[in-house]
Structures are given as structure tokens and as C-alpha cells.
């Protein structure tokens, strides 16, 4: 999935909190639910969206699934943000240069 799609999924505060927790290590749905102010079913729904976006994967561990972050997916998010910032900085520089030229002409 693209970095843009991952950013869309990360727009939710609960999903960002899950990512933050998983950044400290792999966790089960119950462990995540215990650390968050949302229900276990809500955590499962957020994890499903994070998994569909390619940001997390899971593995079976007996009767439970253990979730972990996909570091390569976050590299894509970082590349998207870098690209967005580079484009914004370039546009800002053009506007600043044009405004500077207007001040000289006045």
C-alpha cells in the first residue's frame, strides 16, 4: 500500500496510539486493549485497518495473534512525508522569492 494510504490510516488517534505501543514491541490484541481506553473489539477493528494498510502484520501464538510493525511500511510513510515537505518547501521558496521581488518593485 502507498505511503499516502498509510497516512490516511494514521489519521486516527487510536491507530497512532496502537502504532506507538507496537513501537515498543510486539503485542496481542488484549495487551493493546489493556493499555488503551478503547474496547478489545475496537482495537481489533483498528488493527484490521492497520494491517490492510500494510503497517502491521500478525502471527499466531496459540489462541492469540501477536501484532508487530512492518518497518519497511514506515520507510514508505517517511518517504511520502519527505516528498510532501520537499514540495511544500519549494513552493514556499517560490512564493517568498516572488514576494521579495514585489517589495523591490514598489
N, C-alpha and C. Protein backbone atom coordinates (compact mmCIF):
# COMPACT_ATOMS: atom_id res chain seq x y z
N UNK A 1 0.85 -1.17 0.00
CA UNK A 1 0.00 0.00 0.00
C UNK A 1 0.89 1.23 0.00
N UNK A 2 0.39 2.30 -0.54
CA UNK A 2 1.19 3.51 -0.67
C UNK A 2 1.34 4.25 0.65
N UNK A 3 2.34 5.14 0.67
CA UNK A 3 2.55 5.97 1.84
C UNK A 3 1.36 6.87 2.11
N UNK A 4 0.69 7.34 1.02
CA UNK A 4 -0.49 8.19 1.19
C UNK A 4 -1.60 7.44 1.91
N UNK A 5 -1.85 6.19 1.51
CA UNK A 5 -2.89 5.39 2.15
C UNK A 5 -2.55 5.14 3.62
N UNK A 6 -1.28 4.90 3.89
CA UNK A 6 -0.86 4.68 5.27
C UNK A 6 -1.09 5.94 6.10
N UNK A 7 -0.83 7.11 5.51
CA UNK A 7 -1.07 8.36 6.23
C UNK A 7 -2.55 8.53 6.54
N UNK A 8 -3.40 8.13 5.60
CA UNK A 8 -4.85 8.20 5.85
C UNK A 8 -5.22 7.36 7.07
N UNK A 9 -4.69 6.15 7.13
CA UNK A 9 -5.00 5.25 8.25
C UNK A 9 -4.46 5.82 9.56
N UNK A 10 -3.32 6.47 9.50
CA UNK A 10 -2.71 7.03 10.70
C UNK A 10 -3.36 8.34 11.15
N UNK A 11 -4.39 8.77 10.44
CA UNK A 11 -5.12 9.97 10.81
C UNK A 11 -5.94 9.81 12.08
N UNK A 12 -6.12 8.59 12.52
CA UNK A 12 -6.92 8.31 13.71
C UNK A 12 -6.01 8.21 14.94
N UNK A 13 -6.36 8.91 16.00
CA UNK A 13 -5.54 8.94 17.21
C UNK A 13 -5.38 7.56 17.84
N UNK A 14 -6.42 6.74 17.81
CA UNK A 14 -6.32 5.40 18.40
C UNK A 14 -5.35 4.53 17.61
N UNK A 15 -5.37 4.64 16.29
CA UNK A 15 -4.43 3.85 15.49
C UNK A 15 -3.00 4.33 15.70
N UNK A 16 -2.82 5.65 15.86
CA UNK A 16 -1.47 6.15 16.16
C UNK A 16 -1.01 5.63 17.52
N UNK A 17 -1.91 5.56 18.48
CA UNK A 17 -1.56 5.04 19.81
C UNK A 17 -1.16 3.56 19.71
N UNK A 18 -1.87 2.81 18.91
CA UNK A 18 -1.53 1.39 18.71
C UNK A 18 -0.15 1.28 18.09
N UNK A 19 0.13 2.08 17.07
CA UNK A 19 1.44 2.06 16.43
C UNK A 19 2.52 2.42 17.45
N UNK A 20 2.25 3.41 18.26
CA UNK A 20 3.21 3.81 19.29
C UNK A 20 3.50 2.64 20.24
N UNK A 21 2.46 1.97 20.69
CA UNK A 21 2.65 0.83 21.59
C UNK A 21 3.42 -0.30 20.91
N UNK A 22 3.10 -0.56 19.65
CA UNK A 22 3.80 -1.62 18.92
C UNK A 22 5.25 -1.24 18.65
N UNK A 23 5.54 0.05 18.66
CA UNK A 23 6.92 0.50 18.51
C UNK A 23 7.80 0.05 19.66
N UNK A 24 7.17 -0.23 20.78
CA UNK A 24 7.91 -0.73 21.95
C UNK A 24 8.04 -2.25 21.95
N UNK A 25 7.37 -2.91 21.03
CA UNK A 25 7.46 -4.37 20.94
C UNK A 25 6.14 -4.99 20.53
N UNK A 26 6.21 -6.23 20.13
CA UNK A 26 5.04 -6.97 19.68
C UNK A 26 4.05 -7.14 20.84
N UNK A 27 2.75 -7.11 20.46
CA UNK A 27 1.71 -7.24 21.49
C UNK A 27 0.49 -7.97 20.93
N UNK A 28 -0.25 -8.55 21.82
CA UNK A 28 -1.52 -9.18 21.46
C UNK A 28 -2.62 -8.12 21.48
N UNK A 29 -3.78 -8.49 20.94
CA UNK A 29 -4.93 -7.58 20.97
C UNK A 29 -5.27 -7.23 22.42
N UNK A 30 -5.28 -8.21 23.28
CA UNK A 30 -5.63 -7.97 24.69
C UNK A 30 -4.62 -7.04 25.36
N UNK A 31 -3.34 -7.23 25.09
CA UNK A 31 -2.32 -6.35 25.67
C UNK A 31 -2.52 -4.91 25.20
N UNK A 32 -2.86 -4.75 23.93
CA UNK A 32 -3.13 -3.41 23.41
C UNK A 32 -4.38 -2.82 24.06
N UNK A 33 -5.43 -3.62 24.16
CA UNK A 33 -6.68 -3.14 24.76
C UNK A 33 -6.46 -2.75 26.22
N UNK A 34 -5.63 -3.50 26.93
CA UNK A 34 -5.36 -3.18 28.33
C UNK A 34 -4.63 -1.84 28.48
N UNK A 35 -3.88 -1.45 27.46
CA UNK A 35 -3.10 -0.22 27.53
C UNK A 35 -3.84 0.99 26.96
N UNK A 36 -5.01 0.76 26.37
CA UNK A 36 -5.74 1.84 25.71
C UNK A 36 -7.13 2.02 26.32
N UNK A 37 -7.71 3.20 26.15
CA UNK A 37 -9.05 3.45 26.70
C UNK A 37 -10.16 3.04 25.74
N UNK A 38 -9.92 2.01 24.94
CA UNK A 38 -10.93 1.51 24.00
C UNK A 38 -11.10 0.01 24.20
N UNK A 39 -12.21 -0.52 23.71
CA UNK A 39 -12.53 -1.94 23.92
C UNK A 39 -11.66 -2.84 23.04
N UNK A 40 -11.63 -4.10 23.42
CA UNK A 40 -10.89 -5.10 22.64
C UNK A 40 -11.43 -5.18 21.22
N UNK A 41 -12.77 -5.20 21.00
CA UNK A 41 -13.26 -5.22 19.62
C UNK A 41 -12.83 -3.98 18.82
N UNK A 42 -12.78 -2.83 19.48
CA UNK A 42 -12.33 -1.61 18.79
C UNK A 42 -10.86 -1.74 18.41
N UNK A 43 -10.05 -2.28 19.30
CA UNK A 43 -8.63 -2.49 18.99
C UNK A 43 -8.51 -3.42 17.78
N UNK A 44 -9.31 -4.48 17.76
CA UNK A 44 -9.28 -5.42 16.62
C UNK A 44 -9.63 -4.72 15.32
N UNK A 45 -10.63 -3.85 15.34
CA UNK A 45 -11.01 -3.12 14.12
C UNK A 45 -9.88 -2.20 13.66
N UNK A 46 -9.25 -1.51 14.60
CA UNK A 46 -8.13 -0.63 14.24
C UNK A 46 -6.96 -1.44 13.70
N UNK A 47 -6.68 -2.58 14.31
CA UNK A 47 -5.60 -3.43 13.82
C UNK A 47 -5.88 -3.95 12.42
N UNK A 48 -7.14 -4.26 12.15
CA UNK A 48 -7.51 -4.72 10.80
C UNK A 48 -7.19 -3.65 9.77
N UNK A 49 -7.52 -2.39 10.09
CA UNK A 49 -7.23 -1.29 9.16
C UNK A 49 -5.73 -1.06 9.01
N UNK A 50 -5.00 -1.16 10.12
CA UNK A 50 -3.55 -1.01 10.05
C UNK A 50 -2.92 -2.15 9.24
N UNK A 51 -3.48 -3.34 9.38
CA UNK A 51 -2.97 -4.49 8.62
C UNK A 51 -3.29 -4.33 7.13
N UNK A 52 -4.51 -3.88 6.81
CA UNK A 52 -4.88 -3.65 5.41
C UNK A 52 -4.00 -2.59 4.76
N UNK A 53 -3.56 -1.61 5.56
CA UNK A 53 -2.68 -0.56 5.05
C UNK A 53 -1.24 -1.04 4.96
N UNK A 54 -0.97 -2.24 5.45
CA UNK A 54 0.37 -2.80 5.37
C UNK A 54 1.31 -2.30 6.45
N UNK A 55 0.76 -1.68 7.49
CA UNK A 55 1.61 -1.12 8.54
C UNK A 55 1.96 -2.13 9.63
N UNK A 56 1.10 -3.12 9.82
CA UNK A 56 1.36 -4.16 10.83
C UNK A 56 1.12 -5.52 10.20
N UNK A 57 1.71 -6.51 10.80
CA UNK A 57 1.44 -7.90 10.46
C UNK A 57 1.19 -8.64 11.76
N UNK A 58 0.69 -9.85 11.64
CA UNK A 58 0.45 -10.64 12.84
C UNK A 58 0.91 -12.06 12.62
N UNK A 59 1.11 -12.74 13.74
CA UNK A 59 1.47 -14.16 13.70
C UNK A 59 0.66 -14.86 14.79
N UNK A 60 0.35 -16.11 14.53
CA UNK A 60 -0.38 -16.90 15.51
C UNK A 60 0.55 -17.31 16.64
N UNK A 61 0.03 -17.23 17.84
CA UNK A 61 0.74 -17.70 19.03
C UNK A 61 -0.30 -18.42 19.89
N UNK A 62 -0.55 -19.66 19.53
CA UNK A 62 -1.60 -20.41 20.21
C UNK A 62 -2.96 -19.86 19.82
N UNK A 63 -3.73 -19.44 20.82
CA UNK A 63 -5.08 -18.95 20.57
C UNK A 63 -5.12 -17.45 20.31
N UNK A 64 -3.97 -16.80 20.30
CA UNK A 64 -3.98 -15.35 20.11
C UNK A 64 -3.07 -14.94 18.96
N UNK A 65 -3.33 -13.76 18.44
CA UNK A 65 -2.48 -13.19 17.40
C UNK A 65 -1.58 -12.15 18.04
N UNK A 66 -0.33 -12.16 17.62
CA UNK A 66 0.64 -11.19 18.09
C UNK A 66 0.92 -10.24 16.92
N UNK A 67 0.78 -8.95 17.17
CA UNK A 67 0.95 -7.94 16.12
C UNK A 67 2.30 -7.25 16.26
N UNK A 68 2.88 -6.91 15.11
CA UNK A 68 4.12 -6.14 15.11
C UNK A 68 4.14 -5.20 13.91
N UNK A 69 4.97 -4.17 14.03
CA UNK A 69 5.08 -3.16 12.98
C UNK A 69 5.91 -3.69 11.81
N UNK A 70 5.57 -3.25 10.62
CA UNK A 70 6.36 -3.53 9.42
C UNK A 70 7.24 -2.31 9.16
N UNK A 71 8.51 -2.41 9.48
CA UNK A 71 9.40 -1.26 9.38
C UNK A 71 9.50 -0.74 7.95
N UNK A 72 9.42 -1.63 6.96
CA UNK A 72 9.51 -1.18 5.57
C UNK A 72 8.31 -0.31 5.19
N UNK A 73 7.16 -0.56 5.79
CA UNK A 73 5.98 0.28 5.52
C UNK A 73 6.20 1.69 6.05
N UNK A 74 6.85 1.79 7.20
CA UNK A 74 7.09 3.11 7.77
C UNK A 74 8.17 3.86 6.99
N UNK A 75 9.05 3.13 6.32
CA UNK A 75 10.01 3.78 5.43
C UNK A 75 9.26 4.44 4.27
N UNK A 76 8.21 3.79 3.78
CA UNK A 76 7.39 4.38 2.72
C UNK A 76 6.67 5.63 3.22
N UNK A 77 6.15 5.59 4.44
CA UNK A 77 5.49 6.76 5.02
C UNK A 77 6.50 7.90 5.14
N UNK A 78 7.69 7.59 5.60
CA UNK A 78 8.72 8.61 5.73
C UNK A 78 9.07 9.21 4.37
N UNK A 79 9.17 8.38 3.34
CA UNK A 79 9.47 8.88 2.00
C UNK A 79 8.35 9.79 1.50
N UNK A 80 7.11 9.43 1.78
CA UNK A 80 5.97 10.26 1.38
C UNK A 80 6.02 11.61 2.08
N UNK A 81 6.29 11.60 3.38
CA UNK A 81 6.38 12.85 4.13
C UNK A 81 7.55 13.71 3.65
N UNK A 82 8.67 13.08 3.35
CA UNK A 82 9.83 13.81 2.84
C UNK A 82 9.49 14.46 1.51
N UNK A 83 8.80 13.73 0.66
CA UNK A 83 8.39 14.26 -0.64
C UNK A 83 7.42 15.43 -0.47
N UNK A 84 6.43 15.25 0.41
CA UNK A 84 5.48 16.32 0.66
C UNK A 84 6.17 17.57 1.20
N UNK A 85 7.07 17.37 2.15
CA UNK A 85 7.78 18.51 2.75
C UNK A 85 8.66 19.19 1.71
N UNK A 86 9.34 18.40 0.88
CA UNK A 86 10.19 18.98 -0.17
C UNK A 86 9.39 19.82 -1.14
N UNK A 87 8.22 19.32 -1.53
CA UNK A 87 7.35 20.08 -2.44
C UNK A 87 6.84 21.35 -1.78
N UNK A 88 6.45 21.26 -0.52
CA UNK A 88 5.94 22.43 0.19
C UNK A 88 7.05 23.47 0.36
N UNK A 89 8.25 23.02 0.67
CA UNK A 89 9.37 23.95 0.85
C UNK A 89 9.70 24.64 -0.46
N UNK A 90 9.65 23.90 -1.56
CA UNK A 90 9.93 24.50 -2.87
C UNK A 90 8.88 25.55 -3.21
N UNK A 91 7.61 25.25 -2.95
CA UNK A 91 6.54 26.23 -3.22
C UNK A 91 6.69 27.46 -2.33
N UNK A 92 7.05 27.25 -1.08
CA UNK A 92 7.25 28.37 -0.17
C UNK A 92 8.39 29.26 -0.66
N UNK A 93 9.48 28.64 -1.12
CA UNK A 93 10.61 29.41 -1.62
C UNK A 93 10.21 30.25 -2.83
N UNK A 94 9.41 29.68 -3.73
CA UNK A 94 8.95 30.42 -4.92
C UNK A 94 8.09 31.60 -4.50
N UNK A 95 7.17 31.38 -3.58
CA UNK A 95 6.31 32.47 -3.11
C UNK A 95 7.15 33.54 -2.43
N UNK A 96 8.09 33.15 -1.60
CA UNK A 96 8.94 34.12 -0.91
C UNK A 96 9.76 34.93 -1.90
N UNK A 97 10.30 34.27 -2.91
CA UNK A 97 11.08 34.98 -3.92
C UNK A 97 10.20 35.96 -4.70
N UNK A 98 8.98 35.57 -5.01
CA UNK A 98 8.06 36.45 -5.73
C UNK A 98 7.66 37.64 -4.86
N UNK A 99 7.43 37.40 -3.59
CA UNK A 99 7.07 38.50 -2.69
C UNK A 99 8.25 39.46 -2.53
N UNK A 100 9.45 38.93 -2.46
CA UNK A 100 10.63 39.75 -2.34
C UNK A 100 10.78 40.63 -3.59
N UNK A 101 10.53 40.07 -4.75
CA UNK A 101 10.59 40.82 -6.00
C UNK A 101 9.54 41.93 -6.04
N UNK A 102 8.35 41.67 -5.47
CA UNK A 102 7.29 42.68 -5.42
C UNK A 102 7.69 43.84 -4.52
N UNK A 103 8.37 43.56 -3.41
CA UNK A 103 8.78 44.61 -2.49
C UNK A 103 9.81 45.54 -3.14
N UNK A 104 10.70 45.00 -3.94
CA UNK A 104 11.73 45.78 -4.61
C UNK A 104 11.10 46.67 -5.66
N UNK A 105 10.07 46.16 -6.36
CA UNK A 105 9.44 46.91 -7.44
C UNK A 105 8.59 48.06 -6.90
N UNK A 106 8.15 47.98 -5.67
CA UNK A 106 7.25 49.01 -5.10
C UNK A 106 7.95 50.28 -4.78
